[in-house]
Amino acid sequence: MLVQSLRLDMICILENRIQLTSLSDQSFFNSHMVYDYESSCNNFHCSNPGRIWIKWCPDKLTFQPCFFSSQMIAGMVSYGSNIPFLLSVIYASNNQVERKVLWEDLRNITPTEGIPWILMGDYNCCRFPSEKLGGNTLHQNTF
């Protein structure tokens, strides 16, 4: 499997479209395990179908989620003797108004000075129409 061959200890899955009820199905849960022993969190309770699913190998790192929304999961990552950092995994809404809520949430969870912060994901916005491939045409007020 790709995760093992690349020796990934954490993965963040975006736009997974999984229903919250699926997680109560043990066969579904077992068939979607990435690590032999894993921890995970998701925002399925904030967004149906689910948008963000984070999985990690708990014997390699610690992830302590501290914020959930329909567009983001954020938490502290501790990895060996490395400096802990705040990780924000983002799958932004296509709706400009909803994205403004995301920007406000990001302002509200900004870590204190000296704590590294990784923001990763799909922001669903572009500076220029040439940055977008496929889908609907962008208009000036949408990027």
N, C-alpha and C. Protein backbone atom coordinates (compact mmCIF):
# COMPACT_ATOMS: atom_id res chain seq x y z
N MET A 1 0.83 -1.17 0.00
CA MET A 1 0.00 0.00 0.00
C MET A 1 0.89 1.25 0.00
N LEU A 2 0.42 2.29 -0.64
CA LEU A 2 1.17 3.53 -0.80
C LEU A 2 1.56 4.15 0.54
N VAL A 3 0.67 4.13 1.51
CA VAL A 3 0.95 4.73 2.83
C VAL A 3 2.16 4.05 3.47
N GLN A 4 2.21 2.72 3.41
CA GLN A 4 3.33 2.00 4.00
C GLN A 4 4.61 2.20 3.20
N SER A 5 4.50 2.18 1.87
CA SER A 5 5.71 2.32 1.06
C SER A 5 6.35 3.69 1.22
N LEU A 6 5.55 4.71 1.49
CA LEU A 6 6.08 6.06 1.71
C LEU A 6 6.35 6.34 3.19
N ARG A 7 6.03 5.35 4.04
CA ARG A 7 6.22 5.46 5.48
C ARG A 7 5.52 6.68 6.07
N LEU A 8 4.26 6.86 5.68
CA LEU A 8 3.45 7.97 6.18
C LEU A 8 2.86 7.60 7.53
N ASP A 9 2.99 8.48 8.49
CA ASP A 9 2.45 8.23 9.83
C ASP A 9 1.12 8.93 10.04
N MET A 10 0.74 9.80 9.09
CA MET A 10 -0.53 10.52 9.17
C MET A 10 -0.99 10.81 7.75
N ILE A 11 -2.30 10.67 7.53
CA ILE A 11 -2.87 11.07 6.25
C ILE A 11 -4.13 11.90 6.51
N CYS A 12 -4.38 12.82 5.59
CA CYS A 12 -5.55 13.68 5.68
C CYS A 12 -6.32 13.51 4.39
N ILE A 13 -7.54 13.01 4.49
CA ILE A 13 -8.36 12.69 3.33
C ILE A 13 -9.44 13.75 3.21
N LEU A 14 -9.49 14.38 2.04
CA LEU A 14 -10.46 15.45 1.79
C LEU A 14 -11.54 14.99 0.83
N GLU A 15 -12.71 15.59 0.94
CA GLU A 15 -13.84 15.33 0.04
C GLU A 15 -14.14 13.84 -0.07
N ASN A 16 -14.22 13.19 1.08
CA ASN A 16 -14.40 11.74 1.08
C ASN A 16 -15.84 11.30 0.88
N ARG A 17 -16.81 12.17 1.13
CA ARG A 17 -18.23 11.89 0.90
C ARG A 17 -18.74 10.64 1.64
N ILE A 18 -18.24 10.45 2.84
CA ILE A 18 -18.67 9.31 3.65
C ILE A 18 -19.75 9.78 4.62
N GLN A 19 -20.78 8.98 4.75
CA GLN A 19 -21.88 9.30 5.65
C GLN A 19 -21.50 8.94 7.08
N LEU A 20 -21.93 9.73 8.04
CA LEU A 20 -21.65 9.49 9.45
C LEU A 20 -22.11 8.10 9.88
N THR A 21 -23.23 7.65 9.37
CA THR A 21 -23.76 6.33 9.75
C THR A 21 -22.84 5.19 9.32
N SER A 22 -22.03 5.41 8.30
CA SER A 22 -21.11 4.37 7.84
C SER A 22 -20.10 3.98 8.91
N LEU A 23 -19.73 4.93 9.76
CA LEU A 23 -18.72 4.64 10.78
C LEU A 23 -19.22 3.68 11.84
N SER A 24 -20.53 3.53 11.98
CA SER A 24 -21.06 2.57 12.95
C SER A 24 -21.12 1.16 12.38
N ASP A 25 -20.83 1.01 11.09
CA ASP A 25 -20.79 -0.30 10.44
C ASP A 25 -19.37 -0.86 10.58
N GLN A 26 -19.20 -1.88 11.40
CA GLN A 26 -17.87 -2.42 11.69
C GLN A 26 -17.15 -2.91 10.43
N SER A 27 -17.87 -3.51 9.49
CA SER A 27 -17.21 -3.98 8.27
C SER A 27 -16.70 -2.81 7.43
N PHE A 28 -17.47 -1.71 7.40
CA PHE A 28 -17.00 -0.51 6.70
C PHE A 28 -15.75 0.02 7.38
N PHE A 29 -15.81 0.13 8.70
CA PHE A 29 -14.69 0.66 9.47
C PHE A 29 -13.43 -0.19 9.24
N ASN A 30 -13.58 -1.50 9.34
CA ASN A 30 -12.43 -2.40 9.16
C ASN A 30 -11.86 -2.32 7.74
N SER A 31 -12.72 -2.20 6.75
CA SER A 31 -12.24 -2.17 5.37
C SER A 31 -11.59 -0.84 5.00
N HIS A 32 -11.75 0.18 5.83
CA HIS A 32 -11.15 1.48 5.55
C HIS A 32 -9.99 1.83 6.48
N MET A 33 -9.48 0.84 7.19
CA MET A 33 -8.33 1.08 8.04
C MET A 33 -7.08 1.24 7.17
N VAL A 34 -6.26 2.20 7.52
CA VAL A 34 -5.03 2.46 6.78
C VAL A 34 -3.84 1.86 7.51
N TYR A 35 -3.87 1.90 8.83
CA TYR A 35 -2.79 1.37 9.66
C TYR A 35 -3.31 0.17 10.44
N ASP A 36 -2.41 -0.75 10.79
CA ASP A 36 -2.82 -1.91 11.59
C ASP A 36 -3.45 -1.46 12.90
N TYR A 37 -2.86 -0.45 13.49
CA TYR A 37 -3.37 0.13 14.73
C TYR A 37 -3.45 1.63 14.45
N GLU A 38 -4.64 2.21 14.44
CA GLU A 38 -4.76 3.61 14.04
C GLU A 38 -5.71 4.38 14.93
N SER A 39 -5.52 5.68 14.91
CA SER A 39 -6.47 6.61 15.50
C SER A 39 -6.98 7.48 14.37
N SER A 40 -8.14 8.04 14.55
CA SER A 40 -8.69 8.89 13.49
C SER A 40 -9.68 9.88 14.08
N CYS A 41 -9.92 10.92 13.31
CA CYS A 41 -10.99 11.86 13.63
C CYS A 41 -11.54 12.38 12.31
N ASN A 42 -12.73 12.93 12.37
CA ASN A 42 -13.37 13.41 11.15
C ASN A 42 -14.32 14.55 11.51
N ASN A 43 -14.82 15.19 10.48
CA ASN A 43 -15.82 16.24 10.71
C ASN A 43 -17.18 15.83 10.16
N PHE A 44 -17.45 14.54 10.15
CA PHE A 44 -18.71 14.04 9.59
C PHE A 44 -19.91 14.58 10.37
N HIS A 45 -19.74 14.87 11.65
CA HIS A 45 -20.83 15.42 12.46
C HIS A 45 -21.11 16.88 12.11
N CYS A 46 -20.18 17.54 11.42
CA CYS A 46 -20.34 18.95 11.01
C CYS A 46 -20.73 19.09 9.56
N SER A 47 -20.50 18.04 8.78
CA SER A 47 -20.73 18.11 7.35
C SER A 47 -21.17 16.74 6.86
N ASN A 48 -22.33 16.69 6.25
CA ASN A 48 -22.86 15.43 5.75
C ASN A 48 -23.10 15.55 4.26
N PRO A 49 -22.43 14.81 3.39
CA PRO A 49 -21.45 13.78 3.73
C PRO A 49 -20.16 14.39 4.25
N GLY A 50 -19.32 13.52 4.84
CA GLY A 50 -18.07 13.97 5.43
C GLY A 50 -17.14 14.64 4.43
N ARG A 51 -16.34 15.56 4.93
CA ARG A 51 -15.41 16.30 4.07
C ARG A 51 -13.96 16.05 4.45
N ILE A 52 -13.67 15.85 5.74
CA ILE A 52 -12.29 15.68 6.19
C ILE A 52 -12.21 14.46 7.11
N TRP A 53 -11.23 13.62 6.85
CA TRP A 53 -10.98 12.44 7.67
C TRP A 53 -9.48 12.37 7.88
N ILE A 54 -9.03 12.42 9.13
CA ILE A 54 -7.61 12.36 9.45
C ILE A 54 -7.34 11.04 10.15
N LYS A 55 -6.30 10.35 9.70
CA LYS A 55 -5.91 9.07 10.28
C LYS A 55 -4.43 9.14 10.61
N TRP A 56 -4.05 8.55 11.74
CA TRP A 56 -2.64 8.56 12.11
C TRP A 56 -2.29 7.31 12.89
N CYS A 57 -1.01 7.05 12.91
CA CYS A 57 -0.46 5.90 13.62
C CYS A 57 -0.07 6.37 15.03
N PRO A 58 -0.85 6.01 16.05
CA PRO A 58 -0.64 6.57 17.39
C PRO A 58 0.66 6.15 18.07
N ASP A 59 1.30 5.09 17.58
CA ASP A 59 2.59 4.74 18.19
C ASP A 59 3.73 5.57 17.58
N LYS A 60 3.42 6.38 16.57
CA LYS A 60 4.43 7.25 15.94
C LYS A 60 4.22 8.73 16.28
N LEU A 61 2.96 9.15 16.42
CA LEU A 61 2.69 10.56 16.71
C LEU A 61 1.41 10.70 17.49
N THR A 62 1.23 11.90 18.02
CA THR A 62 0.01 12.23 18.75
C THR A 62 -0.66 13.40 18.05
N PHE A 63 -1.95 13.27 17.82
CA PHE A 63 -2.75 14.36 17.27
C PHE A 63 -3.88 14.61 18.23
N GLN A 64 -3.96 15.84 18.74
CA GLN A 64 -5.01 16.22 19.68
C GLN A 64 -5.89 17.29 19.03
N PRO A 65 -7.01 16.87 18.43
CA PRO A 65 -7.90 17.84 17.78
C PRO A 65 -8.43 18.85 18.80
N CYS A 66 -8.50 20.11 18.38
CA CYS A 66 -9.02 21.15 19.27
C CYS A 66 -10.11 21.99 18.60
N PHE A 67 -10.31 21.80 17.29
CA PHE A 67 -11.33 22.59 16.60
C PHE A 67 -11.90 21.77 15.44
N PHE A 68 -13.23 21.75 15.35
CA PHE A 68 -13.93 21.08 14.26
C PHE A 68 -14.94 22.04 13.65
N SER A 69 -15.03 22.05 12.34
CA SER A 69 -16.11 22.77 11.65
C SER A 69 -16.39 22.01 10.37
N SER A 70 -17.33 22.49 9.59
CA SER A 70 -17.64 21.83 8.32
C SER A 70 -16.52 22.02 7.30
N GLN A 71 -15.59 22.95 7.57
CA GLN A 71 -14.52 23.23 6.62
C GLN A 71 -13.11 22.97 7.15
N MET A 72 -13.00 22.58 8.43
CA MET A 72 -11.66 22.44 8.99
C MET A 72 -11.65 21.56 10.23
N ILE A 73 -10.53 20.86 10.39
CA ILE A 73 -10.18 20.20 11.64
C ILE A 73 -8.79 20.74 11.99
N ALA A 74 -8.61 21.18 13.23
CA ALA A 74 -7.32 21.68 13.68
C ALA A 74 -6.95 20.99 14.98
N GLY A 75 -5.65 20.79 15.17
CA GLY A 75 -5.18 20.18 16.40
C GLY A 75 -3.67 20.21 16.49
N MET A 76 -3.18 19.87 17.66
CA MET A 76 -1.74 19.86 17.91
C MET A 76 -1.16 18.49 17.57
N VAL A 77 -0.02 18.53 16.88
CA VAL A 77 0.70 17.32 16.51
C VAL A 77 2.01 17.28 17.29
N SER A 78 2.25 16.17 17.96
CA SER A 78 3.53 15.91 18.62
C SER A 78 4.14 14.69 17.94
N TYR A 79 5.39 14.84 17.55
CA TYR A 79 6.03 13.81 16.73
C TYR A 79 7.45 13.60 17.23
N GLY A 80 7.65 12.57 18.05
CA GLY A 80 8.98 12.30 18.59
C GLY A 80 9.50 13.47 19.39
N SER A 81 10.76 13.81 19.18
CA SER A 81 11.38 14.91 19.91
C SER A 81 11.25 16.24 19.16
N ASN A 82 10.47 16.27 18.08
CA ASN A 82 10.27 17.49 17.31
C ASN A 82 9.38 18.47 18.07
N ILE A 83 9.46 19.73 17.69
CA ILE A 83 8.62 20.76 18.30
C ILE A 83 7.16 20.51 17.91
N PRO A 84 6.23 20.47 18.87
CA PRO A 84 4.82 20.31 18.52
C PRO A 84 4.36 21.48 17.64
N PHE A 85 3.39 21.20 16.78
CA PHE A 85 2.87 22.24 15.89
C PHE A 85 1.36 22.11 15.76
N LEU A 86 0.74 23.22 15.38
CA LEU A 86 -0.70 23.23 15.12
C LEU A 86 -0.90 22.85 13.66
N LEU A 87 -1.77 21.89 13.42
CA LEU A 87 -2.11 21.47 12.07
C LEU A 87 -3.57 21.83 11.80
N SER A 88 -3.81 22.55 10.71
CA SER A 88 -5.17 22.86 10.28
C SER A 88 -5.38 22.21 8.93
N VAL A 89 -6.30 21.26 8.87
CA VAL A 89 -6.63 20.57 7.63
C VAL A 89 -7.93 21.18 7.12
N ILE A 90 -7.87 21.72 5.90
CA ILE A 90 -8.96 22.55 5.38
C ILE A 90 -9.54 21.97 4.10
N TYR A 91 -10.85 21.93 4.05
CA TYR A 91 -11.56 21.68 2.80
C TYR A 91 -12.65 22.75 2.73
N ALA A 92 -12.30 23.86 2.10
CA ALA A 92 -13.16 25.04 2.10
C ALA A 92 -14.38 24.84 1.21
N SER A 93 -15.42 25.51 1.58
CA SER A 93 -16.66 25.51 0.81
C SER A 93 -16.45 26.22 -0.52
N ASN A 94 -17.22 25.82 -1.51
CA ASN A 94 -17.23 26.54 -2.80
C ASN A 94 -17.98 27.86 -2.67
N ASN A 95 -18.75 28.00 -1.62
CA ASN A 95 -19.56 29.20 -1.40
C ASN A 95 -18.72 30.29 -0.75
N GLN A 96 -18.66 31.44 -1.37
CA GLN A 96 -17.83 32.55 -0.89
C GLN A 96 -18.24 33.00 0.51
N VAL A 97 -19.52 33.04 0.80
CA VAL A 97 -19.99 33.46 2.12
C VAL A 97 -19.53 32.47 3.19
N GLU A 98 -19.66 31.17 2.91
CA GLU A 98 -19.22 30.15 3.86
C GLU A 98 -17.71 30.18 4.05
N ARG A 99 -16.96 30.49 2.98
CA ARG A 99 -15.51 30.60 3.10
C ARG A 99 -15.11 31.73 4.04
N LYS A 100 -15.89 32.79 4.10
CA LYS A 100 -15.58 33.89 5.03
C LYS A 100 -15.63 33.39 6.47
N VAL A 101 -16.53 32.45 6.76
CA VAL A 101 -16.58 31.85 8.10
C VAL A 101 -15.27 31.11 8.37
N LEU A 102 -14.75 30.41 7.37
CA LEU A 102 -13.47 29.71 7.52
C LEU A 102 -12.35 30.70 7.86
N TRP A 103 -12.28 31.81 7.13
CA TRP A 103 -11.22 32.80 7.39
C TRP A 103 -11.32 33.31 8.83
N GLU A 104 -12.54 33.52 9.31
CA GLU A 104 -12.72 33.99 10.68
C GLU A 104 -12.30 32.90 11.67
N ASP A 105 -12.65 31.66 11.38
CA ASP A 105 -12.23 30.55 12.25
C ASP A 105 -10.70 30.47 12.30
N LEU A 106 -10.04 30.65 11.17
CA LEU A 106 -8.58 30.62 11.15
C LEU A 106 -7.99 31.74 12.01
N ARG A 107 -8.57 32.91 11.92
CA ARG A 107 -8.11 34.01 12.78
C ARG A 107 -8.28 33.67 14.26
N ASN A 108 -9.37 32.99 14.59
CA ASN A 108 -9.66 32.68 15.99
C ASN A 108 -8.78 31.58 16.57
N ILE A 109 -8.23 30.70 15.74
CA ILE A 109 -7.41 29.61 16.28
C ILE A 109 -5.91 29.86 16.09
N THR A 110 -5.54 31.03 15.62
CA THR A 110 -4.12 31.35 15.42
C THR A 110 -3.33 31.00 16.68
N PRO A 111 -2.28 30.19 16.53
CA PRO A 111 -1.51 29.80 17.72
C PRO A 111 -0.71 30.97 18.30
N THR A 112 -0.33 30.81 19.54
CA THR A 112 0.50 31.83 20.16
C THR A 112 1.87 31.85 19.49
N GLU A 113 2.54 32.97 19.63
CA GLU A 113 3.84 33.14 18.99
C GLU A 113 4.80 32.04 19.41
N GLY A 114 5.53 31.53 18.44
CA GLY A 114 6.51 30.48 18.70
C GLY A 114 6.01 29.09 18.41
N ILE A 115 4.71 28.92 18.22
CA ILE A 115 4.17 27.60 17.88
C ILE A 115 4.02 27.53 16.36
N PRO A 116 4.74 26.60 15.71
CA PRO A 116 4.60 26.46 14.26
C PRO A 116 3.17 26.07 13.89
N TRP A 117 2.75 26.50 12.69
CA TRP A 117 1.38 26.25 12.23
C TRP A 117 1.43 25.80 10.78
N ILE A 118 0.88 24.64 10.51
CA ILE A 118 0.75 24.14 9.14
C ILE A 118 -0.71 24.22 8.75
N LEU A 119 -0.99 24.91 7.65
CA LEU A 119 -2.34 25.01 7.09
C LEU A 119 -2.30 24.30 5.75
N MET A 120 -3.08 23.25 5.61
CA MET A 120 -3.03 22.48 4.37
C MET A 120 -4.43 22.10 3.93
N GLY A 121 -4.58 21.89 2.64
CA GLY A 121 -5.86 21.42 2.15
C GLY A 121 -6.27 22.07 0.85
N ASP A 122 -7.56 22.12 0.65
CA ASP A 122 -8.16 22.66 -0.57
C ASP A 122 -8.98 23.88 -0.17
N TYR A 123 -8.54 25.05 -0.60
CA TYR A 123 -9.19 26.30 -0.23
C TYR A 123 -10.31 26.70 -1.18
N ASN A 124 -10.45 25.98 -2.29
CA ASN A 124 -11.51 26.23 -3.26
C ASN A 124 -11.62 27.71 -3.65
N CYS A 125 -10.48 28.34 -3.84
CA CYS A 125 -10.48 29.71 -4.33
C CYS A 125 -9.20 29.93 -5.15
N CYS A 126 -9.27 30.88 -6.05
CA CYS A 126 -8.16 31.18 -6.94
C CYS A 126 -7.93 32.68 -6.98
N ARG A 127 -6.70 33.07 -7.20
CA ARG A 127 -6.41 34.49 -7.40
C ARG A 127 -6.77 34.91 -8.81
N PHE A 128 -6.55 34.01 -9.76
CA PHE A 128 -6.77 34.33 -11.17
C PHE A 128 -7.55 33.20 -11.84
N PRO A 129 -8.43 33.52 -12.80
CA PRO A 129 -9.17 32.47 -13.50
C PRO A 129 -8.27 31.44 -14.17
N SER A 130 -7.06 31.82 -14.57
CA SER A 130 -6.14 30.89 -15.23
C SER A 130 -5.65 29.78 -14.28
N GLU A 131 -5.84 29.95 -12.97
CA GLU A 131 -5.42 28.94 -12.01
C GLU A 131 -6.42 27.79 -11.90
N LYS A 132 -7.58 27.92 -12.49
CA LYS A 132 -8.65 26.94 -12.36
C LYS A 132 -8.75 26.09 -13.62
N LEU A 133 -8.90 24.80 -13.43
CA LEU A 133 -9.12 23.87 -14.53
C LEU A 133 -10.49 23.23 -14.39
N GLY A 134 -11.29 23.22 -15.45
CA GLY A 134 -12.59 22.56 -15.45
C GLY A 134 -13.64 23.27 -14.61
N GLY A 135 -14.81 22.68 -14.59
CA GLY A 135 -15.91 23.22 -13.79
C GLY A 135 -16.47 24.51 -14.35
N ASN A 136 -17.21 25.21 -13.53
CA ASN A 136 -17.84 26.47 -13.93
C ASN A 136 -16.80 27.57 -14.11
N THR A 137 -17.09 28.49 -14.98
CA THR A 137 -16.23 29.65 -15.20
C THR A 137 -16.23 30.53 -13.96
N LEU A 138 -15.04 31.02 -13.59
CA LEU A 138 -14.94 31.93 -12.45
C LEU A 138 -15.27 33.35 -12.88
N HIS A 139 -15.88 34.07 -11.99
CA HIS A 139 -16.18 35.47 -12.20
C HIS A 139 -15.37 36.28 -11.20
N GLN A 140 -15.13 37.53 -11.48
CA GLN A 140 -14.29 38.40 -10.64
C GLN A 140 -14.66 38.33 -9.16
N ASN A 141 -15.93 38.24 -8.83
CA ASN A 141 -16.34 38.26 -7.43
C ASN A 141 -16.22 36.89 -6.74
N THR A 142 -15.75 35.84 -7.44
CA THR A 142 -15.67 34.53 -6.84
C THR A 142 -14.23 34.07 -6.61
N PHE A 143 -13.25 34.90 -6.94
CA PHE A 143 -11.88 34.49 -6.66
C PHE A 143 -11.11 35.61 -6.00
